[in-house]
Amino acid sequence: MQFYVKAAYAGLVTFLGSLLAALQAVEGIEIGDLATPAWVTIGLATVLAIGGVLGLQAAPPTVSTSVR
């Protein structure tokens, strides 16, 4: 269960960070003004962050201990 909480936290932080970066890219832009590619990028970054956390936790012991 702890892995899922870490993955959810990583996903939330990544989502908010990506959204902030997209909103700061153009001056005066709002959430409703974001184009579809921006939302796809935000979603992909979020999914990769969640998958990265879960993937490292589910890795075999020889792989997970070699990651520093």
Protein backbone atom coordinates (compact mmCIF):
# COMPACT_ATOMS: atom_id res chain seq x y z
CA MET A 1 0.00 0.00 0.00
CA GLN A 2 2.88 2.35 0.78
CA PHE A 3 4.11 2.06 -2.82
CA TYR A 4 0.76 3.30 -4.13
CA VAL A 5 0.84 6.32 -1.83
CA LYS A 6 4.34 7.19 -3.04
CA ALA A 7 3.24 6.74 -6.65
CA ALA A 8 0.15 8.92 -6.14
CA TYR A 9 2.29 11.62 -4.51
CA ALA A 10 4.81 11.49 -7.36
CA GLY A 11 1.97 11.72 -9.87
CA LEU A 12 0.39 14.69 -8.14
CA VAL A 13 3.67 16.59 -7.86
CA THR A 14 4.48 15.87 -11.50
CA PHE A 15 1.01 16.88 -12.67
CA LEU A 16 1.11 20.18 -10.81
CA GLY A 17 4.70 20.91 -11.88
CA SER A 18 3.90 20.18 -15.52
CA LEU A 19 0.78 22.30 -15.38
CA LEU A 20 2.71 25.18 -13.84
CA ALA A 21 5.41 24.91 -16.52
CA ALA A 22 2.79 24.92 -19.28
CA LEU A 23 1.04 27.95 -17.80
CA GLN A 24 4.30 29.88 -17.43
CA ALA A 25 5.39 29.12 -20.99
CA VAL A 26 3.18 31.87 -22.43
CA GLU A 27 2.33 35.06 -20.62
CA GLY A 28 -1.37 35.55 -19.88
CA ILE A 29 -2.42 31.97 -20.62
CA GLU A 30 -5.06 30.26 -18.49
CA ILE A 31 -5.96 26.60 -17.95
CA GLY A 32 -8.77 26.80 -20.49
CA ASP A 33 -6.35 28.12 -23.11
CA LEU A 34 -4.05 25.08 -23.02
CA ALA A 35 -4.06 23.14 -26.27
CA THR A 36 -4.50 19.38 -26.53
CA PRO A 37 -0.76 18.65 -27.00
CA ALA A 38 -0.02 20.43 -23.72
CA TRP A 39 -2.57 18.27 -21.89
CA VAL A 40 -1.16 15.14 -23.52
CA THR A 41 2.34 16.09 -22.37
CA ILE A 42 1.11 16.78 -18.83
CA GLY A 43 -0.74 13.46 -18.72
CA LEU A 44 2.20 11.52 -20.14
CA ALA A 45 4.60 13.04 -17.60
CA THR A 46 2.19 12.11 -14.80
CA VAL A 47 1.80 8.52 -16.00
CA LEU A 48 5.56 8.12 -16.38
CA ALA A 49 6.16 9.43 -12.86
CA ILE A 50 3.63 7.00 -11.39
CA GLY A 51 4.98 4.12 -13.45
CA GLY A 52 8.54 4.99 -12.53
CA VAL A 53 7.82 4.82 -8.82
CA LEU A 54 5.86 1.58 -9.10
CA GLY A 55 8.42 0.08 -11.46
CA LEU A 56 11.33 0.73 -9.12
CA GLN A 57 9.41 -0.72 -6.18
CA ALA A 58 8.41 -3.85 -8.10
CA ALA A 59 11.87 -4.48 -9.55
CA PRO A 60 13.76 -7.61 -8.51
CA PRO A 61 16.04 -7.09 -5.50
CA THR A 62 19.20 -7.20 -7.62
CA VAL A 63 17.97 -4.31 -9.78
CA SER A 64 16.42 -2.18 -7.05
CA THR A 65 19.51 -2.35 -4.83
CA SER A 66 21.81 -1.32 -7.67
CA VAL A 67 19.86 1.95 -8.22
CA ARG A 68 21.41 4.68 -6.10
